[in-house]
C-alpha atoms as a PDB file:
ATOM      1  CA  MET A   1       0.000   0.000   0.000  1.00  0.00           C
ATOM      2  CA  LYS A   2       1.392   3.381  -1.028  1.00  0.00           C
ATOM      3  CA  ILE A   3       0.763   6.142   1.544  1.00  0.00           C
ATOM      4  CA  ALA A   4       0.959   9.937   1.381  1.00  0.00           C
ATOM      5  CA  ILE A   5       0.762  12.343   4.288  1.00  0.00           C
ATOM      6  CA  VAL A   6      -0.305  15.905   3.487  1.00  0.00           C
ATOM      7  CA  HIS A   7       0.150  18.822   5.888  1.00  0.00           C
ATOM      8  CA  GLU A   8      -0.830  22.448   5.275  1.00  0.00           C
ATOM      9  CA  TRP A   9       2.568  24.143   5.409  1.00  0.00           C
ATOM     10  CA  LEU A  10       5.858  24.093   7.253  1.00  0.00           C
ATOM     11  CA  VAL A  11       6.817  27.529   8.563  1.00  0.00           C
ATOM     12  CA  THR A  12       7.079  27.142  12.339  1.00  0.00           C
ATOM     13  CA  TRP A  13       7.424  24.267  14.766  1.00  0.00           C
ATOM     14  CA  ALA A  14       4.164  24.304  16.719  1.00  0.00           C
ATOM     15  CA  GLY A  15       1.436  21.893  17.805  1.00  0.00           C
ATOM     16  CA  SER A  16       0.237  20.628  14.427  1.00  0.00           C
ATOM     17  CA  GLU A  17       3.824  20.077  13.287  1.00  0.00           C
ATOM     18  CA  ARG A  18       4.512  17.979  16.384  1.00  0.00           C
ATOM     19  CA  VAL A  19       1.466  15.855  15.568  1.00  0.00           C
ATOM     20  CA  LEU A  20       2.675  15.596  11.965  1.00  0.00           C
ATOM     21  CA  ALA A  21       6.037  14.268  13.162  1.00  0.00           C
ATOM     22  CA  GLU A  22       4.246  11.602  15.206  1.00  0.00           C
ATOM     23  CA  ILE A  23       2.067  10.598  12.247  1.00  0.00           C
ATOM     24  CA  MET A  24       5.194  10.351  10.090  1.00  0.00           C
ATOM     25  CA  THR A  25       6.790   8.104  12.719  1.00  0.00           C
ATOM     26  CA  LEU A  26       3.759   5.795  12.573  1.00  0.00           C
ATOM     27  CA  TYR A  27       4.033   5.578   8.772  1.00  0.00           C
ATOM     28  CA  PRO A  28       7.762   5.598   7.981  1.00  0.00           C
ATOM     29  CA  GLU A  29       7.183   4.524   4.369  1.00  0.00           C
ATOM     30  CA  ALA A  30       4.804   7.427   3.627  1.00  0.00           C
ATOM     31  CA  ASP A  31       5.712  10.383   1.420  1.00  0.00           C
ATOM     32  CA  LEU A  32       5.109  13.872   2.802  1.00  0.00           C
ATOM     33  CA  TYR A  33       3.488  16.672   0.786  1.00  0.00           C
ATOM     34  CA  VAL A  34       2.875  20.279   1.847  1.00  0.00           C
ATOM     35  CA  LEU A  35       1.543  23.429   0.225  1.00  0.00           C
ATOM     36  CA  PHE A  36       4.937  25.014   0.917  1.00  0.00           C
ATOM     37  CA  ASP A  37       7.977  24.369   3.078  1.00  0.00           C
ATOM     38  CA  ARG A  38       9.960  27.126   4.784  1.00  0.00           C
ATOM     39  CA  LEU A  39      10.754  25.348   8.035  1.00  0.00           C
ATOM     40  CA  PRO A  40      13.883  26.890   9.563  1.00  0.00           C
ATOM     41  CA  SER A  41      16.937  24.645   9.501  1.00  0.00           C
ATOM     42  CA  ASP A  42      17.169  24.595  13.309  1.00  0.00           C
ATOM     43  CA  LYS A  43      13.705  22.935  13.420  1.00  0.00           C
ATOM     44  CA  ARG A  44      14.234  20.610  10.465  1.00  0.00           C
ATOM     45  CA  SER A  45      15.726  17.762  12.516  1.00  0.00           C
ATOM     46  CA  ALA A  46      12.445  17.376  14.444  1.00  0.00           C
ATOM     47  CA  LEU A  47      10.789  16.015  11.281  1.00  0.00           C
ATOM     48  CA  PRO A  48      11.521  12.364  10.459  1.00  0.00           C
ATOM     49  CA  ARG A  49      12.005  13.267   6.767  1.00  0.00           C
ATOM     50  CA  ASN A  50      11.551  16.134   4.317  1.00  0.00           C
ATOM     51  CA  PRO A  51       8.599  16.701   2.001  1.00  0.00           C
ATOM     52  CA  VAL A  52       8.775  15.128  -1.453  1.00  0.00           C
ATOM     53  CA  GLY A  53       6.307  17.581  -2.986  1.00  0.00           C
ATOM     54  CA  GLU A  54       4.864  21.089  -2.693  1.00  0.00           C
ATOM     55  CA  SER A  55       2.077  22.995  -4.394  1.00  0.00           C
ATOM     56  CA  PHE A  56       2.744  25.939  -6.709  1.00  0.00           C
ATOM     57  CA  LEU A  57       2.881  28.169  -3.602  1.00  0.00           C
ATOM     58  CA  GLY A  58       6.268  26.638  -2.798  1.00  0.00           C
ATOM     59  CA  LYS A  59       7.769  28.640  -5.669  1.00  0.00           C
ATOM     60  CA  TRP A  60       6.631  32.010  -4.286  1.00  0.00           C
ATOM     61  CA  PRO A  61       9.416  34.113  -2.793  1.00  0.00           C
ATOM     62  CA  LYS A  62       8.816  35.170   0.817  1.00  0.00           C
ATOM     63  CA  ILE A  63       5.819  32.821   1.067  1.00  0.00           C
ATOM     64  CA  ASP A  64       6.620  32.334   4.759  1.00  0.00           C
ATOM     65  CA  ARG A  65       5.679  35.986   5.324  1.00  0.00           C
ATOM     66  CA  LEU A  66       2.927  36.295   2.711  1.00  0.00           C
ATOM     67  CA  TYR A  67       0.912  33.105   3.061  1.00  0.00           C
ATOM     68  CA  ARG A  68      -1.823  34.571   5.269  1.00  0.00           C
ATOM     69  CA  ASN A  69      -2.514  37.119   2.521  1.00  0.00           C
ATOM     70  CA  LEU A  70      -2.741  34.328  -0.055  1.00  0.00           C
ATOM     71  CA  LEU A  71      -5.679  32.605   1.619  1.00  0.00           C
ATOM     72  CA  PRO A  72      -7.879  32.942  -1.509  1.00  0.00           C
ATOM     73  CA  LEU A  73      -5.287  30.859  -3.434  1.00  0.00           C
ATOM     74  CA  MET A  74      -5.168  28.035  -0.893  1.00  0.00           C
ATOM     75  CA  PRO A  75      -8.022  25.953  -2.395  1.00  0.00           C
ATOM     76  CA  ALA A  76      -6.369  26.002  -5.820  1.00  0.00           C
ATOM     77  CA  ALA A  77      -3.020  25.127  -4.232  1.00  0.00           C
ATOM     78  CA  VAL A  78      -4.361  22.081  -2.419  1.00  0.00           C
ATOM     79  CA  GLU A  79      -6.374  20.945  -5.439  1.00  0.00           C
ATOM     80  CA  SER A  80      -3.229  21.177  -7.587  1.00  0.00           C
ATOM     81  CA  LEU A  81      -1.425  18.441  -5.646  1.00  0.00           C
ATOM     82  CA  ASN A  82      -1.202  15.250  -7.691  1.00  0.00           C
ATOM     83  CA  LEU A  83      -1.579  12.253  -5.401  1.00  0.00           C
ATOM     84  CA  LYS A  84      -3.045   9.788  -7.906  1.00  0.00           C
ATOM     85  CA  ASP A  85      -0.406   7.107  -7.195  1.00  0.00           C
ATOM     86  CA  TYR A  86      -1.341   6.670  -3.519  1.00  0.00           C
ATOM     87  CA  ASP A  87      -3.772   4.170  -2.014  1.00  0.00           C
ATOM     88  CA  LEU A  88      -4.093   5.951   1.330  1.00  0.00           C
ATOM     89  CA  VAL A  89      -3.842   9.707   1.907  1.00  0.00           C
ATOM     90  CA  LEU A  90      -3.608  11.000   5.478  1.00  0.00           C
ATOM     91  CA  THR A  91      -4.157  14.722   5.893  1.00  0.00           C
ATOM     92  CA  SER A  92      -3.133  16.788   8.905  1.00  0.00           C
ATOM     93  CA  SER A  93      -5.490  19.734   8.586  1.00  0.00           C
ATOM     94  CA  HIS A  94      -6.278  22.986  10.334  1.00  0.00           C
ATOM     95  CA  ALA A  95      -7.075  24.852   7.120  1.00  0.00           C
ATOM     96  CA  VAL A  96      -7.428  23.493   3.582  1.00  0.00           C
ATOM     97  CA  VAL A  97      -5.701  20.148   2.959  1.00  0.00           C
ATOM     98  CA  LYS A  98      -8.877  18.213   3.713  1.00  0.00           C
ATOM     99  CA  GLY A  99     -10.001  19.538   0.314  1.00  0.00           C
ATOM    100  CA  LEU A 100      -7.664  17.366  -1.755  1.00  0.00           C
ATOM    101  CA  LEU A 101      -9.066  16.054  -5.013  1.00  0.00           C
ATOM    102  CA  LEU A 102      -8.553  12.308  -5.062  1.00  0.00           C
ATOM    103  CA  HIS A 103      -9.720   9.490  -7.328  1.00  0.00           C
ATOM    104  CA  SER A 104     -12.169   6.718  -6.538  1.00  0.00           C
ATOM    105  CA  GLY A 105     -10.443   3.846  -4.831  1.00  0.00           C
ATOM    106  CA  GLN A 106      -8.186   6.122  -2.787  1.00  0.00           C
ATOM    107  CA  LEU A 107      -8.866   6.305   0.949  1.00  0.00           C
ATOM    108  CA  HIS A 108      -8.639   9.764   2.538  1.00  0.00           C
ATOM    109  CA  LEU A 109      -8.409  10.024   6.329  1.00  0.00           C
ATOM    110  CA  CYS A 110      -8.246  13.519   7.795  1.00  0.00           C
ATOM    111  CA  TYR A 111      -6.752  14.257  11.198  1.00  0.00           C
ATOM    112  CA  CYS A 112      -8.482  17.533  12.005  1.00  0.00           C
ATOM    113  CA  HIS A 113      -6.725  19.823  14.452  1.00  0.00           C
ATOM    114  CA  THR A 114      -9.587  22.287  14.117  1.00  0.00           C
ATOM    115  CA  PRO A 115     -11.750  23.615  11.298  1.00  0.00           C
ATOM    116  CA  PRO A 116     -10.457  26.922   9.889  1.00  0.00           C
ATOM    117  CA  ARG A 117     -11.458  29.268  12.712  1.00  0.00           C
ATOM    118  CA  TYR A 118     -10.870  32.357  10.593  1.00  0.00           C
ATOM    119  CA  LEU A 119     -13.699  31.227   8.290  1.00  0.00           C
ATOM    120  CA  TRP A 120     -16.307  30.129  10.807  1.00  0.00           C
ATOM    121  CA  ASP A 121     -16.217  31.279  14.395  1.00  0.00           C
ATOM    122  CA  MET A 122     -13.317  33.720  14.833  1.00  0.00           C
ATOM    123  CA  THR A 123     -13.426  35.724  11.615  1.00  0.00           C
ATOM    124  CA  GLU A 124     -13.540  39.092  13.318  1.00  0.00           C
ATOM    125  CA  ALA A 125     -10.626  38.266  15.606  1.00  0.00           C
ATOM    126  CA  TYR A 126      -8.468  37.132  12.693  1.00  0.00           C
ATOM    127  CA  PHE A 127      -9.298  39.885  10.223  1.00  0.00           C
ATOM    128  CA  SER A 128     -10.288  42.981  12.223  1.00  0.00           C
ATOM    129  CA  ARG A 129      -6.889  44.691  11.813  1.00  0.00           C
ATOM    130  CA  SER A 130      -6.275  43.487   8.267  1.00  0.00           C
ATOM    131  CA  PHE A 131      -9.571  44.657   6.818  1.00  0.00           C
ATOM    132  CA  SER A 132     -10.300  48.091   8.176  1.00  0.00           C
ATOM    133  CA  GLY A 133     -12.182  50.423   5.883  1.00  0.00           C
ATOM    134  CA  ARG A 134     -15.293  49.804   3.765  1.00  0.00           C
ATOM    135  CA  LEU A 135     -13.583  48.706   0.556  1.00  0.00           C
ATOM    136  CA  LYS A 136     -11.324  46.194   2.303  1.00  0.00           C
ATOM    137  CA  ARG A 137     -14.250  44.830   4.331  1.00  0.00           C
ATOM    138  CA  ALA A 138     -16.369  44.394   1.186  1.00  0.00           C
ATOM    139  CA  ALA A 139     -13.559  42.532  -0.578  1.00  0.00           C
ATOM    140  CA  ALA A 140     -12.962  40.375   2.498  1.00  0.00           C
ATOM    141  CA  SER A 141     -16.635  39.565   2.758  1.00  0.00           C
ATOM    142  CA  LEU A 142     -16.710  38.418  -0.862  1.00  0.00           C
ATOM    143  CA  PHE A 143     -13.649  36.181  -0.656  1.00  0.00           C
ATOM    144  CA  LEU A 144     -14.585  34.830   2.794  1.00  0.00           C
ATOM    145  CA  THR A 145     -18.032  33.845   1.492  1.00  0.00           C
ATOM    146  CA  ARG A 146     -16.430  31.969  -1.395  1.00  0.00           C
ATOM    147  CA  LEU A 147     -13.883  30.332   0.904  1.00  0.00           C
ATOM    148  CA  ARG A 148     -16.671  29.207   3.254  1.00  0.00           C
ATOM    149  CA  GLN A 149     -18.529  27.661   0.332  1.00  0.00           C
ATOM    150  CA  TRP A 150     -15.369  25.866  -0.816  1.00  0.00           C
ATOM    151  CA  ASP A 151     -14.569  24.747   2.742  1.00  0.00           C
ATOM    152  CA  TYR A 152     -18.078  23.334   3.165  1.00  0.00           C
ATOM    153  CA  ARG A 153     -17.676  21.281  -0.034  1.00  0.00           C
ATOM    154  CA  ALA A 154     -14.123  20.285   0.922  1.00  0.00           C
ATOM    155  CA  GLY A 155     -15.458  18.942   4.204  1.00  0.00           C
ATOM    156  CA  GLN A 156     -17.356  16.295   2.237  1.00  0.00           C
ATOM    157  CA  ARG A 157     -14.235  14.898   0.556  1.00  0.00           C
ATOM    158  CA  PRO A 158     -12.457  12.850   3.249  1.00  0.00           C
ATOM    159  CA  ASP A 159     -13.739   9.342   3.869  1.00  0.00           C
ATOM    160  CA  ALA A 160     -13.357   9.819   7.637  1.00  0.00           C
ATOM    161  CA  PHE A 161     -12.240  12.397  10.167  1.00  0.00           C
ATOM    162  CA  ILE A 162     -10.250  12.004  13.346  1.00  0.00           C
ATOM    163  CA  ALA A 163     -10.647  14.846  15.846  1.00  0.00           C
ATOM    164  CA  ASN A 164      -7.569  15.800  17.833  1.00  0.00           C
ATOM    165  CA  SER A 165      -9.406  15.741  21.170  1.00  0.00           C
ATOM    166  CA  GLU A 166     -12.736  14.966  22.766  1.00  0.00           C
ATOM    167  CA  PHE A 167     -13.308  18.724  23.130  1.00  0.00           C
ATOM    168  CA  CYS A 168     -12.793  19.258  19.392  1.00  0.00           C
ATOM    169  CA  ARG A 169     -15.028  16.293  18.552  1.00  0.00           C
ATOM    170  CA  GLN A 170     -17.863  17.501  20.781  1.00  0.00           C
ATOM    171  CA  LYS A 171     -17.601  21.077  19.586  1.00  0.00           C
ATOM    172  CA  ASN A 172     -17.135  20.404  15.910  1.00  0.00           C
ATOM    173  CA  PHE A 173     -18.227  16.872  15.096  1.00  0.00           C
ATOM    174  CA  PRO A 174     -21.425  16.218  17.044  1.00  0.00           C
ATOM    175  CA  ASP A 175     -22.925  14.134  14.234  1.00  0.00           C
ATOM    176  CA  LEU A 176     -21.200  14.503  10.887  1.00  0.00           C
ATOM    177  CA  TRP A 177     -18.480  16.811   9.607  1.00  0.00           C
ATOM    178  CA  PRO A 178     -20.807  19.116   7.622  1.00  0.00           C
ATOM    179  CA  SER A 179     -22.835  19.919  10.722  1.00  0.00           C
ATOM    180  CA  LEU A 180     -20.005  21.966  12.181  1.00  0.00           C
ATOM    181  CA  TYR A 181     -20.307  24.495   9.395  1.00  0.00           C
ATOM    182  CA  ARG A 182     -22.757  27.206   8.798  1.00  0.00           C
ATOM    183  CA  HIS A 183     -24.505  26.576   5.519  1.00  0.00           C
ATOM    184  CA  PRO A 184     -22.926  28.760   2.803  1.00  0.00           C
ATOM    185  CA  SER A 185     -26.263  30.207   1.645  1.00  0.00           C
ATOM    186  CA  THR A 186     -28.169  30.654   4.883  1.00  0.00           C
ATOM    187  CA  GLY A 187     -25.290  31.302   7.259  1.00  0.00           C
ATOM    188  CA  ARG A 188     -26.946  28.997   9.805  1.00  0.00           C
ATOM    189  CA  TYR A 189     -25.310  26.109  11.593  1.00  0.00           C
END
Protein backbone atom coordinates (compact mmCIF):
# COMPACT_ATOMS: atom_id res chain seq x y z
CA MET A 1 0.00 0.00 0.00
CA LYS A 2 1.39 3.38 -1.03
CA ILE A 3 0.76 6.14 1.54
CA ALA A 4 0.96 9.94 1.38
CA ILE A 5 0.76 12.34 4.29
CA VAL A 6 -0.31 15.90 3.49
CA HIS A 7 0.15 18.82 5.89
CA GLU A 8 -0.83 22.45 5.27
CA TRP A 9 2.57 24.14 5.41
CA LEU A 10 5.86 24.09 7.25
CA VAL A 11 6.82 27.53 8.56
CA THR A 12 7.08 27.14 12.34
CA TRP A 13 7.42 24.27 14.77
CA ALA A 14 4.16 24.30 16.72
CA GLY A 15 1.44 21.89 17.81
CA SER A 16 0.24 20.63 14.43
CA GLU A 17 3.82 20.08 13.29
CA ARG A 18 4.51 17.98 16.38
CA VAL A 19 1.47 15.86 15.57
CA LEU A 20 2.67 15.60 11.97
CA ALA A 21 6.04 14.27 13.16
CA GLU A 22 4.25 11.60 15.21
CA ILE A 23 2.07 10.60 12.25
CA MET A 24 5.19 10.35 10.09
CA THR A 25 6.79 8.10 12.72
CA LEU A 26 3.76 5.79 12.57
CA TYR A 27 4.03 5.58 8.77
CA PRO A 28 7.76 5.60 7.98
CA GLU A 29 7.18 4.52 4.37
CA ALA A 30 4.80 7.43 3.63
CA ASP A 31 5.71 10.38 1.42
CA LEU A 32 5.11 13.87 2.80
CA TYR A 33 3.49 16.67 0.79
CA VAL A 34 2.88 20.28 1.85
CA LEU A 35 1.54 23.43 0.22
CA PHE A 36 4.94 25.01 0.92
CA ASP A 37 7.98 24.37 3.08
CA ARG A 38 9.96 27.13 4.78
CA LEU A 39 10.75 25.35 8.03
CA PRO A 40 13.88 26.89 9.56
CA SER A 41 16.94 24.65 9.50
CA ASP A 42 17.17 24.60 13.31
CA LYS A 43 13.71 22.93 13.42
CA ARG A 44 14.23 20.61 10.46
CA SER A 45 15.73 17.76 12.52
CA ALA A 46 12.45 17.38 14.44
CA LEU A 47 10.79 16.02 11.28
CA PRO A 48 11.52 12.36 10.46
CA ARG A 49 12.00 13.27 6.77
CA ASN A 50 11.55 16.13 4.32
CA PRO A 51 8.60 16.70 2.00
CA VAL A 52 8.77 15.13 -1.45
CA GLY A 53 6.31 17.58 -2.99
CA GLU A 54 4.86 21.09 -2.69
CA SER A 55 2.08 22.99 -4.39
CA PHE A 56 2.74 25.94 -6.71
CA LEU A 57 2.88 28.17 -3.60
CA GLY A 58 6.27 26.64 -2.80
CA LYS A 59 7.77 28.64 -5.67
CA TRP A 60 6.63 32.01 -4.29
CA PRO A 61 9.42 34.11 -2.79
CA LYS A 62 8.82 35.17 0.82
CA ILE A 63 5.82 32.82 1.07
CA ASP A 64 6.62 32.33 4.76
CA ARG A 65 5.68 35.99 5.32
CA LEU A 66 2.93 36.30 2.71
CA TYR A 67 0.91 33.10 3.06
CA ARG A 68 -1.82 34.57 5.27
CA ASN A 69 -2.51 37.12 2.52
CA LEU A 70 -2.74 34.33 -0.06
CA LEU A 71 -5.68 32.60 1.62
CA PRO A 72 -7.88 32.94 -1.51
CA LEU A 73 -5.29 30.86 -3.43
CA MET A 74 -5.17 28.03 -0.89
CA PRO A 75 -8.02 25.95 -2.39
CA ALA A 76 -6.37 26.00 -5.82
CA ALA A 77 -3.02 25.13 -4.23
CA VAL A 78 -4.36 22.08 -2.42
CA GLU A 79 -6.37 20.94 -5.44
CA SER A 80 -3.23 21.18 -7.59
CA LEU A 81 -1.42 18.44 -5.65
CA ASN A 82 -1.20 15.25 -7.69
CA LEU A 83 -1.58 12.25 -5.40
CA LYS A 84 -3.04 9.79 -7.91
CA ASP A 85 -0.41 7.11 -7.19
CA TYR A 86 -1.34 6.67 -3.52
CA ASP A 87 -3.77 4.17 -2.01
CA LEU A 88 -4.09 5.95 1.33
CA VAL A 89 -3.84 9.71 1.91
CA LEU A 90 -3.61 11.00 5.48
CA THR A 91 -4.16 14.72 5.89
CA SER A 92 -3.13 16.79 8.91
CA SER A 93 -5.49 19.73 8.59
CA HIS A 94 -6.28 22.99 10.33
CA ALA A 95 -7.07 24.85 7.12
CA VAL A 96 -7.43 23.49 3.58
CA VAL A 97 -5.70 20.15 2.96
CA LYS A 98 -8.88 18.21 3.71
CA GLY A 99 -10.00 19.54 0.31
CA LEU A 100 -7.66 17.37 -1.76
CA LEU A 101 -9.07 16.05 -5.01
CA LEU A 102 -8.55 12.31 -5.06
CA HIS A 103 -9.72 9.49 -7.33
CA SER A 104 -12.17 6.72 -6.54
CA GLY A 105 -10.44 3.85 -4.83
CA GLN A 106 -8.19 6.12 -2.79
CA LEU A 107 -8.87 6.30 0.95
CA HIS A 108 -8.64 9.76 2.54
CA LEU A 109 -8.41 10.02 6.33
CA CYS A 110 -8.25 13.52 7.79
CA TYR A 111 -6.75 14.26 11.20
CA CYS A 112 -8.48 17.53 12.01
CA HIS A 113 -6.73 19.82 14.45
CA THR A 114 -9.59 22.29 14.12
CA PRO A 115 -11.75 23.61 11.30
CA PRO A 116 -10.46 26.92 9.89
CA ARG A 117 -11.46 29.27 12.71
CA TYR A 118 -10.87 32.36 10.59
CA LEU A 119 -13.70 31.23 8.29
CA TRP A 120 -16.31 30.13 10.81
CA ASP A 121 -16.22 31.28 14.39
CA MET A 122 -13.32 33.72 14.83
CA THR A 123 -13.43 35.72 11.62
CA GLU A 124 -13.54 39.09 13.32
CA ALA A 125 -10.63 38.27 15.61
CA TYR A 126 -8.47 37.13 12.69
CA PHE A 127 -9.30 39.88 10.22
CA SER A 128 -10.29 42.98 12.22
CA ARG A 129 -6.89 44.69 11.81
CA SER A 130 -6.27 43.49 8.27
CA PHE A 131 -9.57 44.66 6.82
CA SER A 132 -10.30 48.09 8.18
CA GLY A 133 -12.18 50.42 5.88
CA ARG A 134 -15.29 49.80 3.77
CA LEU A 135 -13.58 48.71 0.56
CA LYS A 136 -11.32 46.19 2.30
CA ARG A 137 -14.25 44.83 4.33
CA ALA A 138 -16.37 44.39 1.19
CA ALA A 139 -13.56 42.53 -0.58
CA ALA A 140 -12.96 40.37 2.50
CA SER A 141 -16.63 39.57 2.76
CA LEU A 142 -16.71 38.42 -0.86
CA PHE A 143 -13.65 36.18 -0.66
CA LEU A 144 -14.58 34.83 2.79
CA THR A 145 -18.03 33.84 1.49
CA ARG A 146 -16.43 31.97 -1.39
CA LEU A 147 -13.88 30.33 0.90
CA ARG A 148 -16.67 29.21 3.25
CA GLN A 149 -18.53 27.66 0.33
CA TRP A 150 -15.37 25.87 -0.82
CA ASP A 151 -14.57 24.75 2.74
CA TYR A 152 -18.08 23.33 3.16
CA ARG A 153 -17.68 21.28 -0.03
CA ALA A 154 -14.12 20.28 0.92
CA GLY A 155 -15.46 18.94 4.20
CA GLN A 156 -17.36 16.29 2.24
CA ARG A 157 -14.23 14.90 0.56
CA PRO A 158 -12.46 12.85 3.25
CA ASP A 159 -13.74 9.34 3.87
CA ALA A 160 -13.36 9.82 7.64
CA PHE A 161 -12.24 12.40 10.17
CA ILE A 162 -10.25 12.00 13.35
CA ALA A 163 -10.65 14.85 15.85
CA ASN A 164 -7.57 15.80 17.83
CA SER A 165 -9.41 15.74 21.17
CA GLU A 166 -12.74 14.97 22.77
CA PHE A 167 -13.31 18.72 23.13
CA CYS A 168 -12.79 19.26 19.39
CA ARG A 169 -15.03 16.29 18.55
CA GLN A 170 -17.86 17.50 20.78
CA LYS A 171 -17.60 21.08 19.59
CA ASN A 172 -17.14 20.40 15.91
CA PHE A 173 -18.23 16.87 15.10
CA PRO A 174 -21.42 16.22 17.04
CA ASP A 175 -22.93 14.13 14.23
CA LEU A 176 -21.20 14.50 10.89
CA TRP A 177 -18.48 16.81 9.61
CA PRO A 178 -20.81 19.12 7.62
CA SER A 179 -22.84 19.92 10.72
CA LEU A 180 -20.00 21.97 12.18
CA TYR A 181 -20.31 24.49 9.39
CA ARG A 182 -22.76 27.21 8.80
CA HIS A 183 -24.50 26.58 5.52
CA PRO A 184 -22.93 28.76 2.80
CA SER A 185 -26.26 30.21 1.65
CA THR A 186 -28.17 30.65 4.88
CA GLY A 187 -25.29 31.30 7.26
CA ARG A 188 -26.95 29.00 9.81
CA TYR A 189 -25.31 26.11 11.59
